[in-house]
Amino acid sequence: MIVCTTLAQTIKGTTMEEYNYVVKGYKVQQESGLDMKKGYRIDDIVITFPAFSGPDYDMYSVITEGMKKFKVKALYRQTETVPCAFIILCKGSADDVYLCIPNKNSDDEVWSKSVLNKFALSSAIPNYADEEQKNKEQDELFTYYDYLLLFICSNMMK
């Protein structure tokens, strides 16, 4: 009798330390030219959408153009092949905002902080004298972020 066992990599959730690194430390590292956090690596993720035509083409074009405001990176623990977190950089007209999307096995504390990501996007928008213009830009940014989150959850967290 032969017994076969498979060692599956257990995916650990995003820790609070990793969450804080993504939303605060990574920005400082980038702006200061510091070395990468020890024990981690970062890979760029290219977001592409399939070619699309038809009655919803205009919406597709708007979303594809709007997604250019975001850069996505995967944060890996050095010894793992599955991202421990996703870094979302929003290039805003007022300020750049760094957001963290935890991996699917993260605990409630980390997920509850990440739910506030959307509201952090507001700092990427300048103060307009016209409140209507500010609300319009904020709504667009929130929509693009929602599409990005949907993409990550459906394609990167399987």
N, C-alpha and C. Protein backbone atom coordinates (compact mmCIF):
# COMPACT_ATOMS: atom_id res chain seq x y z
N MET A 1 0.85 -1.18 0.00
CA MET A 1 0.00 0.00 0.00
C MET A 1 0.89 1.24 0.00
N ILE A 2 0.61 2.16 -0.88
CA ILE A 2 1.36 3.40 -0.98
C ILE A 2 0.45 4.54 -0.53
N VAL A 3 0.95 5.37 0.35
CA VAL A 3 0.17 6.51 0.85
C VAL A 3 0.80 7.78 0.28
N CYS A 4 0.00 8.60 -0.38
CA CYS A 4 0.48 9.87 -0.93
C CYS A 4 -0.11 11.01 -0.12
N THR A 5 0.73 11.95 0.21
CA THR A 5 0.24 13.14 0.91
C THR A 5 0.66 14.36 0.14
N THR A 6 -0.16 15.36 0.18
CA THR A 6 0.13 16.61 -0.48
C THR A 6 0.23 17.70 0.57
N LEU A 7 1.29 18.45 0.49
CA LEU A 7 1.45 19.58 1.40
C LEU A 7 0.98 20.84 0.69
N ALA A 8 -0.17 21.29 1.02
CA ALA A 8 -0.70 22.51 0.42
C ALA A 8 -0.19 23.71 1.21
N GLN A 9 0.15 24.75 0.49
CA GLN A 9 0.60 25.96 1.17
C GLN A 9 -0.59 26.62 1.87
N THR A 10 -0.50 26.76 3.16
CA THR A 10 -1.54 27.44 3.90
C THR A 10 -1.32 28.93 3.73
N ILE A 11 -2.35 29.60 3.30
CA ILE A 11 -2.24 31.04 3.06
C ILE A 11 -2.58 31.77 4.34
N LYS A 12 -1.59 32.43 4.91
CA LYS A 12 -1.84 33.23 6.11
C LYS A 12 -2.46 34.56 5.68
N GLY A 13 -3.32 35.07 6.52
CA GLY A 13 -3.96 36.35 6.23
C GLY A 13 -3.00 37.53 6.37
N THR A 14 -3.42 38.66 5.87
CA THR A 14 -2.67 39.90 6.02
C THR A 14 -2.64 40.27 7.50
N THR A 15 -1.45 40.56 8.01
CA THR A 15 -1.35 40.97 9.41
C THR A 15 -1.57 42.47 9.52
N MET A 16 -1.82 42.94 10.72
CA MET A 16 -1.98 44.39 10.93
C MET A 16 -0.68 45.12 10.60
N GLU A 17 0.46 44.49 10.90
CA GLU A 17 1.75 45.10 10.56
C GLU A 17 1.88 45.26 9.04
N GLU A 18 1.48 44.26 8.29
CA GLU A 18 1.53 44.34 6.82
C GLU A 18 0.55 45.39 6.31
N TYR A 19 -0.63 45.43 6.89
CA TYR A 19 -1.62 46.44 6.50
C TYR A 19 -1.03 47.84 6.69
N ASN A 20 -0.45 48.10 7.85
CA ASN A 20 0.13 49.42 8.13
C ASN A 20 1.31 49.73 7.23
N TYR A 21 2.10 48.71 6.89
CA TYR A 21 3.21 48.92 5.96
C TYR A 21 2.67 49.40 4.61
N VAL A 22 1.61 48.75 4.12
CA VAL A 22 1.06 49.11 2.81
C VAL A 22 0.52 50.53 2.81
N VAL A 23 -0.25 50.91 3.82
CA VAL A 23 -0.91 52.22 3.79
C VAL A 23 -0.02 53.37 4.27
N LYS A 24 1.06 53.05 4.99
CA LYS A 24 1.93 54.12 5.50
C LYS A 24 3.39 53.91 5.11
N GLY A 25 3.95 52.77 5.49
CA GLY A 25 5.37 52.52 5.32
C GLY A 25 5.83 52.46 3.87
N TYR A 26 5.03 51.87 3.00
CA TYR A 26 5.42 51.75 1.59
C TYR A 26 5.57 53.13 0.95
N LYS A 27 4.67 54.05 1.28
CA LYS A 27 4.74 55.41 0.74
C LYS A 27 6.05 56.08 1.19
N VAL A 28 6.37 55.97 2.48
CA VAL A 28 7.61 56.55 3.01
C VAL A 28 8.82 55.92 2.31
N GLN A 29 8.77 54.61 2.15
CA GLN A 29 9.86 53.89 1.47
C GLN A 29 10.06 54.43 0.05
N GLN A 30 8.96 54.59 -0.68
CA GLN A 30 9.03 55.08 -2.06
C GLN A 30 9.54 56.50 -2.14
N GLU A 31 9.03 57.37 -1.28
CA GLU A 31 9.42 58.78 -1.31
C GLU A 31 10.85 59.01 -0.83
N SER A 32 11.34 58.12 0.04
CA SER A 32 12.67 58.30 0.62
C SER A 32 13.74 57.45 -0.05
N GLY A 33 13.35 56.58 -0.97
CA GLY A 33 14.32 55.72 -1.63
C GLY A 33 14.90 54.65 -0.72
N LEU A 34 14.13 54.22 0.28
CA LEU A 34 14.60 53.22 1.23
C LEU A 34 14.53 51.82 0.61
N ASP A 35 15.27 50.89 1.22
CA ASP A 35 15.25 49.50 0.77
C ASP A 35 13.89 48.86 1.06
N MET A 36 13.64 47.77 0.34
CA MET A 36 12.42 47.00 0.52
C MET A 36 12.37 46.42 1.93
N LYS A 37 11.17 46.33 2.48
CA LYS A 37 10.97 45.74 3.81
C LYS A 37 11.54 44.32 3.80
N LYS A 38 12.36 44.04 4.78
CA LYS A 38 13.04 42.74 4.87
C LYS A 38 12.02 41.61 4.97
N GLY A 39 12.25 40.58 4.16
CA GLY A 39 11.39 39.40 4.18
C GLY A 39 10.21 39.47 3.22
N TYR A 40 10.16 40.51 2.38
CA TYR A 40 9.04 40.71 1.46
C TYR A 40 9.53 41.05 0.06
N ARG A 41 8.65 40.88 -0.90
CA ARG A 41 8.91 41.35 -2.26
C ARG A 41 7.60 41.90 -2.82
N ILE A 42 7.72 42.76 -3.82
CA ILE A 42 6.53 43.37 -4.44
C ILE A 42 6.61 43.16 -5.95
N ASP A 43 5.51 42.74 -6.53
CA ASP A 43 5.39 42.58 -7.98
C ASP A 43 4.28 43.48 -8.49
N ASP A 44 4.49 44.07 -9.66
CA ASP A 44 3.45 44.86 -10.32
C ASP A 44 2.38 43.92 -10.86
N ILE A 45 1.16 44.38 -10.84
CA ILE A 45 0.04 43.65 -11.45
C ILE A 45 -0.53 44.55 -12.54
N VAL A 46 -0.62 44.00 -13.73
CA VAL A 46 -1.18 44.75 -14.84
C VAL A 46 -2.65 44.37 -14.97
N ILE A 47 -3.49 45.37 -14.89
CA ILE A 47 -4.93 45.16 -15.01
C ILE A 47 -5.31 45.38 -16.47
N THR A 48 -5.85 44.36 -17.09
CA THR A 48 -6.31 44.50 -18.47
C THR A 48 -7.74 44.01 -18.55
N PHE A 49 -8.47 44.60 -19.44
CA PHE A 49 -9.83 44.18 -19.67
C PHE A 49 -9.92 43.62 -21.09
N PRO A 50 -10.74 42.62 -21.30
CA PRO A 50 -10.85 42.07 -22.64
C PRO A 50 -11.44 43.11 -23.60
N ALA A 51 -11.12 42.94 -24.88
CA ALA A 51 -11.68 43.84 -25.89
C ALA A 51 -13.20 43.78 -25.78
N PHE A 52 -13.82 44.90 -25.98
CA PHE A 52 -15.26 44.98 -25.75
C PHE A 52 -15.88 45.88 -26.81
N SER A 53 -17.01 45.47 -27.31
CA SER A 53 -17.76 46.31 -28.23
C SER A 53 -19.24 46.09 -27.93
N GLY A 54 -20.05 46.86 -28.57
CA GLY A 54 -21.48 46.70 -28.34
C GLY A 54 -22.08 47.92 -27.67
N PRO A 55 -23.31 47.77 -27.19
CA PRO A 55 -24.04 48.93 -26.65
C PRO A 55 -23.40 49.54 -25.41
N ASP A 56 -22.62 48.76 -24.67
CA ASP A 56 -22.01 49.30 -23.45
C ASP A 56 -20.56 49.74 -23.66
N TYR A 57 -20.15 49.91 -24.93
CA TYR A 57 -18.76 50.25 -25.21
C TYR A 57 -18.33 51.56 -24.54
N ASP A 58 -19.20 52.57 -24.55
CA ASP A 58 -18.84 53.86 -23.94
C ASP A 58 -18.53 53.69 -22.46
N MET A 59 -19.32 52.90 -21.75
CA MET A 59 -19.07 52.65 -20.33
C MET A 59 -17.73 51.93 -20.16
N TYR A 60 -17.47 50.95 -21.03
CA TYR A 60 -16.20 50.22 -20.99
C TYR A 60 -15.02 51.18 -21.18
N SER A 61 -15.12 52.09 -22.12
CA SER A 61 -14.05 53.06 -22.38
C SER A 61 -13.81 53.96 -21.18
N VAL A 62 -14.87 54.41 -20.56
CA VAL A 62 -14.75 55.29 -19.40
C VAL A 62 -14.06 54.55 -18.25
N ILE A 63 -14.46 53.30 -18.02
CA ILE A 63 -13.87 52.52 -16.93
C ILE A 63 -12.39 52.25 -17.21
N THR A 64 -12.06 51.85 -18.43
CA THR A 64 -10.68 51.57 -18.79
C THR A 64 -9.82 52.82 -18.62
N GLU A 65 -10.32 53.95 -19.03
CA GLU A 65 -9.58 55.21 -18.87
C GLU A 65 -9.45 55.58 -17.39
N GLY A 66 -10.51 55.41 -16.64
CA GLY A 66 -10.49 55.74 -15.23
C GLY A 66 -9.55 54.86 -14.42
N MET A 67 -9.38 53.61 -14.86
CA MET A 67 -8.50 52.69 -14.14
C MET A 67 -7.04 53.11 -14.22
N LYS A 68 -6.71 53.98 -15.15
CA LYS A 68 -5.33 54.46 -15.27
C LYS A 68 -4.92 55.29 -14.06
N LYS A 69 -5.88 55.69 -13.25
CA LYS A 69 -5.57 56.44 -12.02
C LYS A 69 -5.00 55.52 -10.94
N PHE A 70 -5.09 54.21 -11.16
CA PHE A 70 -4.67 53.25 -10.14
C PHE A 70 -3.48 52.41 -10.63
N LYS A 71 -2.58 52.13 -9.70
CA LYS A 71 -1.52 51.15 -9.92
C LYS A 71 -1.71 50.07 -8.88
N VAL A 72 -1.54 48.83 -9.29
CA VAL A 72 -1.77 47.70 -8.39
C VAL A 72 -0.48 46.90 -8.26
N LYS A 73 -0.16 46.53 -7.04
CA LYS A 73 1.02 45.72 -6.76
C LYS A 73 0.63 44.62 -5.77
N ALA A 74 1.33 43.51 -5.85
CA ALA A 74 1.10 42.41 -4.91
C ALA A 74 2.28 42.35 -3.94
N LEU A 75 1.97 42.29 -2.65
CA LEU A 75 2.99 42.15 -1.62
C LEU A 75 3.07 40.68 -1.23
N TYR A 76 4.27 40.12 -1.34
CA TYR A 76 4.50 38.71 -1.02
C TYR A 76 5.46 38.60 0.15
N ARG A 77 5.19 37.63 1.01
CA ARG A 77 6.19 37.23 1.97
C ARG A 77 7.25 36.46 1.18
N GLN A 78 8.49 36.64 1.51
CA GLN A 78 9.60 36.10 0.72
C GLN A 78 9.46 34.62 0.39
N THR A 79 8.92 33.84 1.29
CA THR A 79 8.86 32.40 1.10
C THR A 79 7.53 31.90 0.54
N GLU A 80 6.64 32.81 0.18
CA GLU A 80 5.31 32.41 -0.27
C GLU A 80 5.06 32.80 -1.73
N THR A 81 4.15 32.06 -2.36
CA THR A 81 3.83 32.32 -3.76
C THR A 81 2.47 32.99 -3.94
N VAL A 82 1.77 33.19 -2.84
CA VAL A 82 0.46 33.84 -2.87
C VAL A 82 0.60 35.19 -2.17
N PRO A 83 0.05 36.27 -2.76
CA PRO A 83 0.19 37.59 -2.11
C PRO A 83 -0.41 37.61 -0.72
N CYS A 84 0.29 38.28 0.19
CA CYS A 84 -0.28 38.47 1.53
C CYS A 84 -1.15 39.72 1.56
N ALA A 85 -0.98 40.61 0.56
CA ALA A 85 -1.80 41.82 0.46
C ALA A 85 -1.63 42.42 -0.93
N PHE A 86 -2.56 43.30 -1.27
CA PHE A 86 -2.47 44.04 -2.53
C PHE A 86 -2.33 45.52 -2.21
N ILE A 87 -1.41 46.15 -2.89
CA ILE A 87 -1.18 47.59 -2.73
C ILE A 87 -1.89 48.30 -3.87
N ILE A 88 -2.75 49.23 -3.53
CA ILE A 88 -3.45 50.03 -4.53
C ILE A 88 -2.94 51.46 -4.38
N LEU A 89 -2.32 51.97 -5.42
CA LEU A 89 -1.87 53.36 -5.43
C LEU A 89 -2.82 54.14 -6.31
N CYS A 90 -3.48 55.11 -5.72
CA CYS A 90 -4.37 56.00 -6.47
C CYS A 90 -3.63 57.30 -6.71
N LYS A 91 -3.39 57.59 -7.99
CA LYS A 91 -2.72 58.84 -8.36
C LYS A 91 -3.79 59.92 -8.45
N GLY A 92 -3.95 60.64 -7.37
CA GLY A 92 -4.99 61.66 -7.31
C GLY A 92 -4.48 63.00 -7.79
N SER A 93 -5.40 63.89 -8.07
CA SER A 93 -5.01 65.24 -8.50
C SER A 93 -4.58 66.09 -7.32
N ALA A 94 -4.91 65.66 -6.10
CA ALA A 94 -4.49 66.41 -4.91
C ALA A 94 -3.34 65.69 -4.20
N ASP A 95 -3.44 64.39 -4.04
CA ASP A 95 -2.44 63.62 -3.30
C ASP A 95 -2.52 62.17 -3.74
N ASP A 96 -1.40 61.46 -3.62
CA ASP A 96 -1.40 60.03 -3.89
C ASP A 96 -1.87 59.31 -2.63
N VAL A 97 -2.70 58.29 -2.81
CA VAL A 97 -3.25 57.54 -1.69
C VAL A 97 -2.85 56.08 -1.86
N TYR A 98 -2.33 55.50 -0.78
CA TYR A 98 -1.95 54.09 -0.77
C TYR A 98 -3.00 53.32 0.04
N LEU A 99 -3.57 52.29 -0.59
CA LEU A 99 -4.61 51.48 0.04
C LEU A 99 -4.17 50.03 0.11
N CYS A 100 -4.73 49.29 1.03
CA CYS A 100 -4.42 47.88 1.19
C CYS A 100 -5.68 47.04 1.00
N ILE A 101 -5.58 46.04 0.12
CA ILE A 101 -6.62 45.03 0.01
C ILE A 101 -6.02 43.77 0.64
N PRO A 102 -6.51 43.35 1.79
CA PRO A 102 -5.96 42.16 2.45
C PRO A 102 -6.28 40.90 1.65
N ASN A 103 -5.52 39.83 1.90
CA ASN A 103 -5.89 38.59 1.22
C ASN A 103 -7.11 37.98 1.91
N LYS A 104 -7.67 36.97 1.28
CA LYS A 104 -8.97 36.45 1.73
C LYS A 104 -8.96 35.79 3.10
N ASN A 105 -7.79 35.44 3.62
CA ASN A 105 -7.72 34.76 4.92
C ASN A 105 -7.42 35.71 6.07
N SER A 106 -7.54 36.99 5.84
CA SER A 106 -7.23 37.97 6.88
C SER A 106 -8.32 38.01 7.94
N ASP A 107 -7.93 38.42 9.14
CA ASP A 107 -8.91 38.46 10.23
C ASP A 107 -9.81 39.70 10.13
N ASP A 108 -10.83 39.71 10.95
CA ASP A 108 -11.84 40.77 10.90
C ASP A 108 -11.26 42.16 11.15
N GLU A 109 -10.27 42.26 12.02
CA GLU A 109 -9.68 43.56 12.34
C GLU A 109 -9.06 44.20 11.09
N VAL A 110 -8.34 43.40 10.32
CA VAL A 110 -7.71 43.92 9.10
C VAL A 110 -8.77 44.25 8.06
N TRP A 111 -9.75 43.37 7.88
CA TRP A 111 -10.81 43.65 6.90
C TRP A 111 -11.60 44.90 7.27
N SER A 112 -11.86 45.10 8.56
CA SER A 112 -12.64 46.28 8.94
C SER A 112 -11.88 47.56 8.63
N LYS A 113 -10.57 47.55 8.76
CA LYS A 113 -9.78 48.74 8.38
C LYS A 113 -9.82 48.94 6.87
N SER A 114 -9.76 47.86 6.11
CA SER A 114 -9.72 47.99 4.65
C SER A 114 -11.05 48.48 4.08
N VAL A 115 -12.14 48.25 4.79
CA VAL A 115 -13.44 48.74 4.34
C VAL A 115 -13.42 50.27 4.24
N LEU A 116 -12.59 50.91 5.05
CA LEU A 116 -12.49 52.36 5.05
C LEU A 116 -11.65 52.89 3.89
N ASN A 117 -11.05 51.99 3.08
CA ASN A 117 -10.24 52.41 1.94
C ASN A 117 -10.94 53.44 1.06
N LYS A 118 -12.18 53.15 0.77
CA LYS A 118 -12.93 53.99 -0.14
C LYS A 118 -12.97 55.44 0.35
N PHE A 119 -13.12 55.61 1.64
CA PHE A 119 -13.21 56.96 2.19
C PHE A 119 -11.85 57.66 2.18
N ALA A 120 -10.77 56.87 2.26
CA ALA A 120 -9.42 57.45 2.17
C ALA A 120 -9.17 58.03 0.79
N LEU A 121 -9.88 57.53 -0.21
CA LEU A 121 -9.72 58.06 -1.57
C LEU A 121 -10.08 59.54 -1.66
N SER A 122 -10.91 60.00 -0.76
CA SER A 122 -11.33 61.40 -0.78
C SER A 122 -10.15 62.36 -0.70
N SER A 123 -9.06 61.92 -0.04
CA SER A 123 -7.90 62.82 0.07
C SER A 123 -7.15 62.96 -1.25
N ALA A 124 -7.48 62.15 -2.25
CA ALA A 124 -6.86 62.27 -3.57
C ALA A 124 -7.53 63.35 -4.41
N ILE A 125 -8.62 63.88 -3.90
CA ILE A 125 -9.40 64.86 -4.66
C ILE A 125 -9.17 66.25 -4.06
N PRO A 126 -8.85 67.22 -4.90
CA PRO A 126 -8.62 68.57 -4.36
C PRO A 126 -9.91 69.19 -3.84
N ASN A 127 -9.78 70.20 -3.03
CA ASN A 127 -10.95 70.93 -2.57
C ASN A 127 -11.42 71.85 -3.69
N TYR A 128 -12.62 71.65 -4.12
CA TYR A 128 -13.21 72.49 -5.15
C TYR A 128 -14.11 73.52 -4.49
N ALA A 129 -14.14 74.69 -5.07
CA ALA A 129 -15.11 75.68 -4.61
C ALA A 129 -16.52 75.17 -4.93
N ASP A 130 -16.61 74.45 -6.03
CA ASP A 130 -17.88 73.88 -6.47
C ASP A 130 -18.04 72.47 -5.87
N GLU A 131 -18.89 72.34 -4.90
CA GLU A 131 -19.11 71.07 -4.21
C GLU A 131 -19.61 70.00 -5.18
N GLU A 132 -20.39 70.40 -6.16
CA GLU A 132 -20.92 69.45 -7.13
C GLU A 132 -19.79 68.80 -7.93
N GLN A 133 -18.80 69.60 -8.33
CA GLN A 133 -17.65 69.07 -9.07
C GLN A 133 -16.86 68.08 -8.21
N LYS A 134 -16.65 68.42 -6.95
CA LYS A 134 -15.92 67.53 -6.05
C LYS A 134 -16.67 66.21 -5.88
N ASN A 135 -17.98 66.27 -5.69
CA ASN A 135 -18.79 65.06 -5.53
C ASN A 135 -18.74 64.19 -6.79
N LYS A 136 -18.76 64.84 -7.95
CA LYS A 136 -18.70 64.10 -9.22
C LYS A 136 -17.37 63.35 -9.33
N GLU A 137 -16.25 64.02 -9.05
CA GLU A 137 -14.94 63.37 -9.13
C GLU A 137 -14.83 62.25 -8.09
N GLN A 138 -15.36 62.49 -6.90
CA GLN A 138 -15.33 61.47 -5.85
C GLN A 138 -16.14 60.25 -6.26
N ASP A 139 -17.33 60.45 -6.80
CA ASP A 139 -18.17 59.33 -7.25
C ASP A 139 -17.47 58.52 -8.33
N GLU A 140 -16.80 59.20 -9.27
CA GLU A 140 -16.08 58.50 -10.33
C GLU A 140 -14.95 57.66 -9.74
N LEU A 141 -14.19 58.24 -8.83
CA LEU A 141 -13.08 57.54 -8.21
C LEU A 141 -13.57 56.32 -7.44
N PHE A 142 -14.68 56.47 -6.72
CA PHE A 142 -15.26 55.35 -5.97
C PHE A 142 -15.69 54.24 -6.94
N THR A 143 -16.27 54.60 -8.07
CA THR A 143 -16.70 53.61 -9.06
C THR A 143 -15.51 52.84 -9.60
N TYR A 144 -14.43 53.54 -9.96
CA TYR A 144 -13.24 52.87 -10.47
C TYR A 144 -12.66 51.94 -9.41
N TYR A 145 -12.65 52.40 -8.18
CA TYR A 145 -12.12 51.57 -7.08
C TYR A 145 -12.97 50.30 -6.93
N ASP A 146 -14.28 50.43 -7.03
CA ASP A 146 -15.16 49.26 -6.93
C ASP A 146 -14.84 48.24 -8.03
N TYR A 147 -14.63 48.73 -9.27
CA TYR A 147 -14.29 47.82 -10.36
C TYR A 147 -12.95 47.15 -10.09
N LEU A 148 -12.01 47.89 -9.58
CA LEU A 148 -10.70 47.35 -9.26
C LEU A 148 -10.80 46.28 -8.18
N LEU A 149 -11.55 46.56 -7.15
CA LEU A 149 -11.75 45.60 -6.06
C LEU A 149 -12.41 44.33 -6.58
N LEU A 150 -13.40 44.48 -7.43
CA LEU A 150 -14.07 43.34 -8.03
C LEU A 150 -13.08 42.51 -8.85
N PHE A 151 -12.23 43.18 -9.61
CA PHE A 151 -11.23 42.49 -10.43
C PHE A 151 -10.28 41.68 -9.54
N ILE A 152 -9.77 42.31 -8.50
CA ILE A 152 -8.83 41.63 -7.61
C ILE A 152 -9.49 40.43 -6.92
N CYS A 153 -10.68 40.63 -6.41
CA CYS A 153 -11.36 39.55 -5.70
C CYS A 153 -11.72 38.38 -6.62
N SER A 154 -12.08 38.67 -7.86
CA SER A 154 -12.50 37.59 -8.76
C SER A 154 -11.34 36.94 -9.50
N ASN A 155 -10.21 37.62 -9.64
CA ASN A 155 -9.11 37.07 -10.43
C ASN A 155 -7.87 36.72 -9.62
N MET A 156 -7.65 37.37 -8.50
CA MET A 156 -6.39 37.21 -7.79
C MET A 156 -6.52 36.44 -6.48
N MET A 157 -7.74 36.23 -5.99
CA MET A 157 -7.92 35.58 -4.68
C MET A 157 -8.62 34.24 -4.80
N LYS A 158 -8.27 33.47 -5.78
CA LYS A 158 -8.92 32.16 -5.95
C LYS A 158 -8.24 31.11 -5.13
